[in-house]
Amino acid sequence: MACLLLVQIPAARAQTAAQGGNIEQNFSASLTPVPAEPLAVSGAFYVPVYSSVSMAQGKLRADFSVTLSVHNASETRPLVLKRIAYFDTSGKMVESYLKAPIALKAFSTIEVFIPTSDVRGGTGANFVVDWAASGEIAEPAVEALMVGGVGAGHYAFISQGRPIRLVGK
C-alpha cells in the first residue's frame, strides 16, 4: 500500500509561503499566541536531510521526499519557532518557512514537507530551526523522515536534529 502512496506524491510541490502551504494555516490547531513575556531561553537545531542520494558508485540517483517535524517536548510551556530555513548542498538557502515567529502548544508538532520531485536541496540539504521560550523548557525534538525508492526497492530513514553549539574555546 505504501507503494501506491509514493506513486501519487510526485505531483506535489514543496510547502512554500507563496503557495498557501504555510505552517500557520496547515497546523493552526498546534499553534498558540507567541508569549508576551521576554524569550529568555533559545537554541537552534541543524538537521541534515537528503532530497537525493547517489547510489551504484554514483551512476544512479535516488530521490526522496523529506518531512521535517518539530515537536514541542514541553508538557506546560509554548515553544516559539523563530526560523525554519531549508538549505541546499552548497549552503544556499532554498526556502524560508516562517514569515514571523510562531508558538507551538505544549506537546504539539508542526511539519514541513518536501516532495520527491523537489530535488533543489541535493545530497547535502539541511534545515536550521531556531527556537526560544519564555523560561525553562524541555528541549524540542527535531527530526526528518526521508522516503523514496529506486526501481522496486523502497527506502525510509530518519535524520535527527543536532543542537547547534559553539565549540573550540
N, C-alpha and C. Protein backbone atom coordinates (compact mmCIF):
# COMPACT_ATOMS: atom_id res chain seq x y z
N MET A 1 0.82 -1.18 0.00
CA MET A 1 0.00 0.00 0.00
C MET A 1 0.87 1.25 0.00
N ALA A 2 2.02 1.22 0.65
CA ALA A 2 2.93 2.37 0.66
C ALA A 2 3.39 2.71 -0.75
N CYS A 3 3.55 1.73 -1.59
CA CYS A 3 3.96 1.97 -2.98
C CYS A 3 2.94 2.82 -3.70
N LEU A 4 1.65 2.57 -3.47
CA LEU A 4 0.61 3.36 -4.11
C LEU A 4 0.68 4.81 -3.68
N LEU A 5 0.96 5.05 -2.42
CA LEU A 5 1.09 6.42 -1.95
C LEU A 5 2.27 7.12 -2.59
N LEU A 6 3.38 6.44 -2.74
CA LEU A 6 4.56 7.05 -3.36
C LEU A 6 4.30 7.40 -4.81
N VAL A 7 3.49 6.63 -5.49
CA VAL A 7 3.19 6.90 -6.89
C VAL A 7 2.36 8.17 -7.02
N GLN A 8 1.49 8.45 -6.05
CA GLN A 8 0.63 9.61 -6.12
C GLN A 8 1.32 10.90 -5.69
N ILE A 9 2.38 10.84 -4.94
CA ILE A 9 3.01 12.02 -4.35
C ILE A 9 3.80 12.89 -5.33
N PRO A 10 4.49 12.39 -6.38
CA PRO A 10 5.36 13.22 -7.17
C PRO A 10 4.77 14.51 -7.72
N ALA A 11 3.47 14.61 -7.93
CA ALA A 11 2.89 15.83 -8.45
C ALA A 11 2.85 16.94 -7.40
N ALA A 12 3.06 16.61 -6.15
CA ALA A 12 3.03 17.60 -5.07
C ALA A 12 4.22 18.54 -5.18
N ARG A 13 4.07 19.70 -4.56
CA ARG A 13 5.15 20.67 -4.52
C ARG A 13 5.56 20.88 -3.07
N ALA A 14 6.74 21.42 -2.89
CA ALA A 14 7.20 21.75 -1.54
C ALA A 14 6.27 22.79 -0.93
N GLN A 15 6.10 22.72 0.37
CA GLN A 15 5.34 23.75 1.06
C GLN A 15 6.08 25.06 0.92
N THR A 16 5.42 26.07 0.41
CA THR A 16 6.02 27.39 0.37
C THR A 16 4.98 28.40 0.82
N ALA A 17 5.45 29.49 1.35
CA ALA A 17 4.52 30.54 1.78
C ALA A 17 3.75 31.08 0.59
N ALA A 18 4.40 31.17 -0.57
CA ALA A 18 3.77 31.72 -1.77
C ALA A 18 2.62 30.84 -2.28
N GLN A 19 2.66 29.56 -1.98
CA GLN A 19 1.64 28.64 -2.48
C GLN A 19 0.52 28.43 -1.47
N GLY A 20 0.52 29.14 -0.38
CA GLY A 20 -0.53 28.97 0.62
C GLY A 20 -0.34 27.72 1.46
N GLY A 21 0.76 27.02 1.28
CA GLY A 21 1.03 25.82 2.06
C GLY A 21 1.80 26.19 3.30
N ASN A 22 1.39 27.25 3.98
CA ASN A 22 2.20 27.71 5.11
C ASN A 22 1.82 27.01 6.41
N ILE A 23 2.76 27.03 7.30
CA ILE A 23 2.64 26.35 8.59
C ILE A 23 1.48 26.91 9.40
N GLU A 24 1.31 28.22 9.38
CA GLU A 24 0.26 28.86 10.17
C GLU A 24 -1.12 28.32 9.79
N GLN A 25 -1.36 28.08 8.51
CA GLN A 25 -2.66 27.55 8.06
C GLN A 25 -2.75 26.05 8.29
N ASN A 26 -1.72 25.33 7.88
CA ASN A 26 -1.76 23.86 7.92
C ASN A 26 -1.76 23.30 9.34
N PHE A 27 -1.19 24.02 10.29
CA PHE A 27 -1.07 23.50 11.65
C PHE A 27 -1.67 24.45 12.69
N SER A 28 -2.74 25.13 12.32
CA SER A 28 -3.34 26.11 13.24
C SER A 28 -3.76 25.48 14.57
N ALA A 29 -4.17 24.21 14.56
CA ALA A 29 -4.57 23.55 15.81
C ALA A 29 -3.39 23.30 16.74
N SER A 30 -2.16 23.33 16.22
CA SER A 30 -0.96 23.11 17.02
C SER A 30 -0.39 24.42 17.58
N LEU A 31 -0.92 25.54 17.14
CA LEU A 31 -0.33 26.84 17.50
C LEU A 31 -1.11 27.55 18.59
N THR A 32 -0.38 28.43 19.26
CA THR A 32 -0.92 29.28 20.32
C THR A 32 -0.27 30.65 20.16
N PRO A 33 -0.83 31.71 20.75
CA PRO A 33 -0.18 33.02 20.61
C PRO A 33 1.26 33.02 21.16
N VAL A 34 2.12 33.78 20.52
CA VAL A 34 3.50 33.92 20.99
C VAL A 34 3.46 34.62 22.35
N PRO A 35 4.17 34.10 23.36
CA PRO A 35 4.14 34.70 24.69
C PRO A 35 4.57 36.17 24.66
N ALA A 36 3.91 36.99 25.49
CA ALA A 36 4.24 38.41 25.56
C ALA A 36 5.50 38.66 26.38
N GLU A 37 5.80 37.75 27.32
CA GLU A 37 6.99 37.93 28.16
C GLU A 37 8.27 37.70 27.34
N PRO A 38 9.40 38.23 27.82
CA PRO A 38 10.66 38.07 27.09
C PRO A 38 11.03 36.59 26.89
N LEU A 39 11.65 36.31 25.77
CA LEU A 39 12.10 34.95 25.45
C LEU A 39 13.50 34.78 26.01
N ALA A 40 13.60 34.23 27.21
CA ALA A 40 14.85 34.15 27.96
C ALA A 40 15.72 32.96 27.58
N VAL A 41 15.15 31.95 26.94
CA VAL A 41 15.87 30.73 26.58
C VAL A 41 15.78 30.57 25.06
N SER A 42 16.90 30.18 24.44
CA SER A 42 16.86 29.98 22.99
C SER A 42 17.87 28.92 22.57
N GLY A 43 17.69 28.42 21.38
CA GLY A 43 18.60 27.42 20.83
C GLY A 43 18.34 27.26 19.34
N ALA A 44 19.11 26.36 18.74
CA ALA A 44 18.98 26.10 17.30
C ALA A 44 19.31 24.64 17.04
N PHE A 45 18.69 24.09 16.02
CA PHE A 45 18.96 22.73 15.57
C PHE A 45 19.40 22.74 14.12
N TYR A 46 20.36 21.89 13.82
CA TYR A 46 20.80 21.62 12.45
C TYR A 46 20.29 20.21 12.12
N VAL A 47 19.58 20.07 11.00
CA VAL A 47 19.01 18.77 10.63
C VAL A 47 19.49 18.41 9.23
N PRO A 48 20.45 17.47 9.11
CA PRO A 48 20.86 17.03 7.77
C PRO A 48 19.74 16.22 7.13
N VAL A 49 19.43 16.51 5.86
CA VAL A 49 18.40 15.78 5.13
C VAL A 49 18.94 15.44 3.74
N TYR A 50 18.25 14.56 3.06
CA TYR A 50 18.72 14.07 1.76
C TYR A 50 17.56 14.06 0.78
N SER A 51 17.48 15.07 -0.08
CA SER A 51 16.45 15.03 -1.11
C SER A 51 16.89 14.13 -2.25
N SER A 52 18.20 13.86 -2.33
CA SER A 52 18.76 12.92 -3.31
C SER A 52 19.93 12.19 -2.67
N VAL A 53 20.13 10.94 -3.10
CA VAL A 53 21.25 10.14 -2.63
C VAL A 53 21.88 9.46 -3.84
N SER A 54 23.21 9.53 -3.94
CA SER A 54 23.91 8.83 -5.02
C SER A 54 24.02 7.35 -4.68
N MET A 55 23.77 6.51 -5.68
CA MET A 55 23.84 5.07 -5.48
C MET A 55 24.63 4.45 -6.63
N ALA A 56 24.97 3.19 -6.51
CA ALA A 56 25.67 2.43 -7.56
C ALA A 56 26.92 3.16 -8.04
N GLN A 57 27.82 3.45 -7.10
CA GLN A 57 29.07 4.15 -7.37
C GLN A 57 28.84 5.47 -8.13
N GLY A 58 27.77 6.17 -7.76
CA GLY A 58 27.49 7.48 -8.35
C GLY A 58 26.81 7.42 -9.70
N LYS A 59 26.47 6.26 -10.20
CA LYS A 59 25.84 6.11 -11.52
C LYS A 59 24.32 6.22 -11.46
N LEU A 60 23.76 6.22 -10.27
CA LEU A 60 22.32 6.24 -10.09
C LEU A 60 21.99 7.21 -8.96
N ARG A 61 20.91 7.95 -9.13
CA ARG A 61 20.47 8.88 -8.09
C ARG A 61 19.08 8.48 -7.62
N ALA A 62 18.90 8.38 -6.33
CA ALA A 62 17.58 8.13 -5.74
C ALA A 62 17.09 9.42 -5.12
N ASP A 63 15.86 9.79 -5.45
CA ASP A 63 15.26 11.00 -4.91
C ASP A 63 14.30 10.63 -3.79
N PHE A 64 14.26 11.49 -2.76
CA PHE A 64 13.47 11.22 -1.56
C PHE A 64 12.57 12.39 -1.21
N SER A 65 11.40 12.08 -0.69
CA SER A 65 10.60 13.13 -0.06
C SER A 65 11.18 13.34 1.33
N VAL A 66 10.99 14.53 1.86
CA VAL A 66 11.50 14.86 3.19
C VAL A 66 10.36 15.45 4.01
N THR A 67 10.16 14.94 5.20
CA THR A 67 9.21 15.54 6.14
C THR A 67 10.00 15.94 7.38
N LEU A 68 10.12 17.25 7.59
CA LEU A 68 10.75 17.78 8.80
C LEU A 68 9.67 17.92 9.85
N SER A 69 9.90 17.37 11.04
CA SER A 69 8.96 17.50 12.16
C SER A 69 9.63 18.22 13.32
N VAL A 70 8.92 19.20 13.87
CA VAL A 70 9.40 19.91 15.06
C VAL A 70 8.37 19.67 16.15
N HIS A 71 8.82 19.03 17.24
CA HIS A 71 7.94 18.64 18.34
C HIS A 71 8.25 19.47 19.57
N ASN A 72 7.23 20.06 20.16
CA ASN A 72 7.39 20.72 21.45
C ASN A 72 7.35 19.62 22.50
N ALA A 73 8.46 19.36 23.16
CA ALA A 73 8.55 18.29 24.16
C ALA A 73 8.13 18.75 25.55
N SER A 74 7.70 19.99 25.67
CA SER A 74 7.26 20.51 26.96
C SER A 74 5.79 20.18 27.19
N GLU A 75 5.50 19.79 28.41
CA GLU A 75 4.12 19.49 28.78
C GLU A 75 3.37 20.75 29.22
N THR A 76 4.11 21.84 29.49
CA THR A 76 3.46 23.02 30.06
C THR A 76 3.73 24.33 29.32
N ARG A 77 4.84 24.47 28.63
CA ARG A 77 5.21 25.76 28.03
C ARG A 77 5.08 25.76 26.50
N PRO A 78 4.71 26.91 25.94
CA PRO A 78 4.76 27.02 24.48
C PRO A 78 6.21 27.11 24.00
N LEU A 79 6.46 26.59 22.84
CA LEU A 79 7.77 26.65 22.18
C LEU A 79 7.66 27.63 21.03
N VAL A 80 8.50 28.66 21.02
CA VAL A 80 8.47 29.65 19.95
C VAL A 80 9.47 29.24 18.87
N LEU A 81 8.99 29.16 17.64
CA LEU A 81 9.87 28.89 16.50
C LEU A 81 10.12 30.21 15.79
N LYS A 82 11.40 30.59 15.72
CA LYS A 82 11.78 31.87 15.14
C LYS A 82 12.20 31.74 13.67
N ARG A 83 12.72 30.56 13.30
CA ARG A 83 13.17 30.36 11.91
C ARG A 83 13.13 28.88 11.59
N ILE A 84 12.64 28.57 10.39
CA ILE A 84 12.78 27.25 9.79
C ILE A 84 13.27 27.52 8.37
N ALA A 85 14.52 27.21 8.11
CA ALA A 85 15.12 27.51 6.81
C ALA A 85 15.70 26.24 6.20
N TYR A 86 15.54 26.10 4.89
CA TYR A 86 15.99 24.93 4.13
C TYR A 86 17.15 25.36 3.24
N PHE A 87 18.27 24.64 3.32
CA PHE A 87 19.49 24.97 2.58
C PHE A 87 19.87 23.83 1.65
N ASP A 88 20.54 24.17 0.54
CA ASP A 88 20.99 23.14 -0.40
C ASP A 88 22.42 22.69 -0.08
N THR A 89 22.94 21.81 -0.90
CA THR A 89 24.27 21.23 -0.70
C THR A 89 25.37 22.29 -0.63
N SER A 90 25.21 23.38 -1.35
CA SER A 90 26.24 24.43 -1.36
C SER A 90 26.05 25.45 -0.24
N GLY A 91 25.03 25.26 0.61
CA GLY A 91 24.80 26.17 1.72
C GLY A 91 23.90 27.34 1.38
N LYS A 92 23.34 27.35 0.17
CA LYS A 92 22.44 28.43 -0.25
C LYS A 92 21.04 28.15 0.28
N MET A 93 20.40 29.19 0.85
CA MET A 93 19.05 29.00 1.35
C MET A 93 18.09 28.79 0.18
N VAL A 94 17.34 27.71 0.25
CA VAL A 94 16.36 27.36 -0.78
C VAL A 94 15.00 27.94 -0.43
N GLU A 95 14.63 27.86 0.84
CA GLU A 95 13.30 28.30 1.26
C GLU A 95 13.32 28.66 2.74
N SER A 96 12.55 29.69 3.09
CA SER A 96 12.32 30.05 4.48
C SER A 96 10.84 29.83 4.76
N TYR A 97 10.51 29.15 5.84
CA TYR A 97 9.14 28.72 6.06
C TYR A 97 8.34 29.54 7.07
N LEU A 98 8.95 30.53 7.70
CA LEU A 98 8.22 31.37 8.64
C LEU A 98 8.35 32.83 8.25
N LYS A 99 7.23 33.53 8.23
CA LYS A 99 7.23 34.98 7.98
C LYS A 99 7.49 35.73 9.28
N ALA A 100 7.04 35.14 10.39
CA ALA A 100 7.19 35.72 11.73
C ALA A 100 7.24 34.56 12.72
N PRO A 101 7.73 34.80 13.94
CA PRO A 101 7.74 33.71 14.93
C PRO A 101 6.35 33.15 15.18
N ILE A 102 6.31 31.85 15.47
CA ILE A 102 5.08 31.17 15.83
C ILE A 102 5.33 30.42 17.14
N ALA A 103 4.27 30.07 17.85
CA ALA A 103 4.41 29.33 19.11
C ALA A 103 3.61 28.03 19.03
N LEU A 104 4.28 26.94 19.40
CA LEU A 104 3.63 25.64 19.45
C LEU A 104 3.06 25.39 20.84
N LYS A 105 1.86 24.85 20.89
CA LYS A 105 1.26 24.45 22.16
C LYS A 105 2.11 23.34 22.78
N ALA A 106 1.91 23.11 24.07
CA ALA A 106 2.58 22.00 24.75
C ALA A 106 2.30 20.69 24.01
N PHE A 107 3.33 19.88 23.82
CA PHE A 107 3.26 18.57 23.18
C PHE A 107 2.75 18.60 21.73
N SER A 108 2.72 19.74 21.08
CA SER A 108 2.24 19.78 19.69
C SER A 108 3.40 19.70 18.71
N THR A 109 3.06 19.52 17.45
CA THR A 109 4.05 19.31 16.39
C THR A 109 3.65 20.08 15.14
N ILE A 110 4.65 20.54 14.40
CA ILE A 110 4.42 21.07 13.04
C ILE A 110 5.35 20.33 12.10
N GLU A 111 5.03 20.38 10.81
CA GLU A 111 5.84 19.70 9.80
C GLU A 111 6.06 20.59 8.59
N VAL A 112 7.16 20.32 7.89
CA VAL A 112 7.43 20.89 6.58
C VAL A 112 7.66 19.71 5.66
N PHE A 113 7.00 19.70 4.50
CA PHE A 113 7.11 18.59 3.55
C PHE A 113 7.78 19.05 2.26
N ILE A 114 8.79 18.29 1.84
CA ILE A 114 9.46 18.49 0.55
C ILE A 114 9.18 17.24 -0.28
N PRO A 115 8.47 17.35 -1.40
CA PRO A 115 8.14 16.16 -2.18
C PRO A 115 9.34 15.58 -2.92
N THR A 116 9.21 14.35 -3.33
CA THR A 116 10.27 13.65 -4.06
C THR A 116 10.70 14.42 -5.30
N SER A 117 9.77 15.07 -5.96
CA SER A 117 10.07 15.78 -7.21
C SER A 117 10.89 17.05 -6.99
N ASP A 118 10.99 17.53 -5.76
CA ASP A 118 11.75 18.75 -5.46
C ASP A 118 13.16 18.35 -5.02
N VAL A 119 14.11 18.39 -5.93
CA VAL A 119 15.48 17.98 -5.64
C VAL A 119 16.42 19.17 -5.48
N ARG A 120 15.86 20.35 -5.22
CA ARG A 120 16.69 21.56 -5.08
C ARG A 120 17.72 21.43 -3.96
N GLY A 121 17.42 20.67 -2.92
CA GLY A 121 18.33 20.53 -1.80
C GLY A 121 19.56 19.70 -2.12
N GLY A 122 19.39 18.67 -2.94
CA GLY A 122 20.51 17.82 -3.32
C GLY A 122 20.92 16.85 -2.23
N THR A 123 22.12 16.32 -2.37
CA THR A 123 22.61 15.27 -1.48
C THR A 123 23.05 15.79 -0.11
N GLY A 124 23.27 17.08 0.01
CA GLY A 124 23.72 17.64 1.29
C GLY A 124 22.78 18.68 1.83
N ALA A 125 21.48 18.54 1.59
CA ALA A 125 20.49 19.51 2.06
C ALA A 125 20.43 19.50 3.59
N ASN A 126 19.90 20.59 4.15
CA ASN A 126 19.72 20.65 5.59
C ASN A 126 18.70 21.71 5.96
N PHE A 127 18.18 21.58 7.17
CA PHE A 127 17.30 22.57 7.76
C PHE A 127 18.01 23.16 8.98
N VAL A 128 17.70 24.42 9.26
CA VAL A 128 18.09 25.05 10.52
C VAL A 128 16.79 25.53 11.17
N VAL A 129 16.62 25.17 12.42
CA VAL A 129 15.43 25.55 13.18
C VAL A 129 15.89 26.33 14.41
N ASP A 130 15.51 27.60 14.49
CA ASP A 130 15.80 28.44 15.65
C ASP A 130 14.56 28.48 16.54
N TRP A 131 14.75 28.28 17.84
CA TRP A 131 13.64 28.24 18.76
C TRP A 131 13.93 29.07 20.01
N ALA A 132 12.87 29.36 20.76
CA ALA A 132 13.02 30.12 22.01
C ALA A 132 11.84 29.81 22.93
N ALA A 133 11.98 30.21 24.18
CA ALA A 133 10.91 30.05 25.16
C ALA A 133 11.05 31.14 26.21
N SER A 134 9.97 31.36 26.95
CA SER A 134 9.98 32.42 27.95
C SER A 134 10.62 31.99 29.27
N GLY A 135 10.94 30.72 29.41
CA GLY A 135 11.58 30.21 30.63
C GLY A 135 12.05 28.79 30.40
N GLU A 136 12.41 28.13 31.49
CA GLU A 136 12.91 26.77 31.41
C GLU A 136 11.92 25.88 30.64
N ILE A 137 12.45 25.08 29.70
CA ILE A 137 11.60 24.26 28.83
C ILE A 137 12.35 22.99 28.44
N ALA A 138 11.61 21.93 28.20
CA ALA A 138 12.21 20.71 27.67
C ALA A 138 12.71 21.01 26.25
N GLU A 139 13.91 20.53 25.94
CA GLU A 139 14.47 20.76 24.61
C GLU A 139 13.56 20.13 23.56
N PRO A 140 13.26 20.86 22.47
CA PRO A 140 12.40 20.30 21.43
C PRO A 140 13.04 19.09 20.75
N ALA A 141 12.21 18.28 20.13
CA ALA A 141 12.69 17.17 19.31
C ALA A 141 12.49 17.57 17.85
N VAL A 142 13.57 17.50 17.07
CA VAL A 142 13.52 17.90 15.66
C VAL A 142 14.15 16.77 14.85
N GLU A 143 13.39 16.27 13.87
CA GLU A 143 13.91 15.19 13.04
C GLU A 143 13.27 15.24 11.67
N ALA A 144 13.89 14.51 10.74
CA ALA A 144 13.37 14.45 9.37
C ALA A 144 13.23 13.00 8.95
N LEU A 145 12.16 12.73 8.22
CA LEU A 145 11.91 11.41 7.64
C LEU A 145 12.07 11.53 6.14
N MET A 146 12.92 10.69 5.56
CA MET A 146 13.10 10.63 4.12
C MET A 146 12.47 9.33 3.61
N VAL A 147 11.70 9.42 2.52
CA VAL A 147 11.05 8.26 1.92
C VAL A 147 11.23 8.34 0.41
N GLY A 148 11.66 7.24 -0.20
CA GLY A 148 11.82 7.21 -1.65
C GLY A 148 12.13 5.82 -2.14
N GLY A 149 12.39 5.69 -3.42
CA GLY A 149 12.67 4.38 -3.96
C GLY A 149 13.43 4.43 -5.26
N VAL A 150 13.97 3.28 -5.59
CA VAL A 150 14.65 3.08 -6.87
C VAL A 150 14.15 1.74 -7.40
N GLY A 151 13.55 1.75 -8.59
CA GLY A 151 13.00 0.52 -9.13
C GLY A 151 11.97 -0.05 -8.18
N ALA A 152 12.12 -1.33 -7.86
CA ALA A 152 11.18 -1.99 -6.95
C ALA A 152 11.55 -1.79 -5.48
N GLY A 153 12.72 -1.21 -5.21
CA GLY A 153 13.16 -1.01 -3.83
C GLY A 153 12.67 0.30 -3.26
N HIS A 154 12.18 0.27 -2.04
CA HIS A 154 11.73 1.47 -1.35
C HIS A 154 12.50 1.62 -0.06
N TYR A 155 12.81 2.86 0.28
CA TYR A 155 13.65 3.14 1.43
C TYR A 155 13.01 4.23 2.28
N ALA A 156 13.22 4.14 3.58
CA ALA A 156 12.79 5.18 4.51
C ALA A 156 13.83 5.24 5.63
N PHE A 157 14.21 6.44 6.01
CA PHE A 157 15.16 6.60 7.10
C PHE A 157 14.95 7.96 7.74
N ILE A 158 15.45 8.11 8.97
CA ILE A 158 15.30 9.38 9.67
C ILE A 158 16.67 10.01 9.91
N SER A 159 16.64 11.30 10.12
CA SER A 159 17.83 12.06 10.49
C SER A 159 17.42 12.92 11.68
N GLN A 160 18.13 12.77 12.78
CA GLN A 160 17.80 13.55 13.98
C GLN A 160 18.51 14.89 13.96
N GLY A 161 17.79 15.93 14.39
CA GLY A 161 18.39 17.24 14.51
C GLY A 161 19.44 17.26 15.59
N ARG A 162 20.46 18.07 15.37
CA ARG A 162 21.54 18.20 16.34
C ARG A 162 21.57 19.65 16.84
N PRO A 163 21.61 19.84 18.17
CA PRO A 163 21.70 21.22 18.66
C PRO A 163 22.95 21.89 18.11
N ILE A 164 22.81 23.14 17.71
CA ILE A 164 23.96 23.90 17.24
C ILE A 164 24.61 24.52 18.46
N ARG A 165 25.84 24.11 18.72
CA ARG A 165 26.60 24.63 19.86
C ARG A 165 27.98 25.06 19.38
N LEU A 166 28.45 26.16 19.87
CA LEU A 166 29.79 26.62 19.53
C LEU A 166 30.81 25.78 20.29
N VAL A 167 31.88 25.41 19.62
CA VAL A 167 32.96 24.63 20.23
C VAL A 167 34.30 25.32 19.96
N GLY A 168 35.32 24.91 20.68
CA GLY A 168 36.65 25.41 20.39
C GLY A 168 37.24 26.37 21.41
N LYS A 169 36.49 26.75 22.43
CA LYS A 169 37.05 27.65 23.45
C LYS A 169 37.66 26.87 24.57
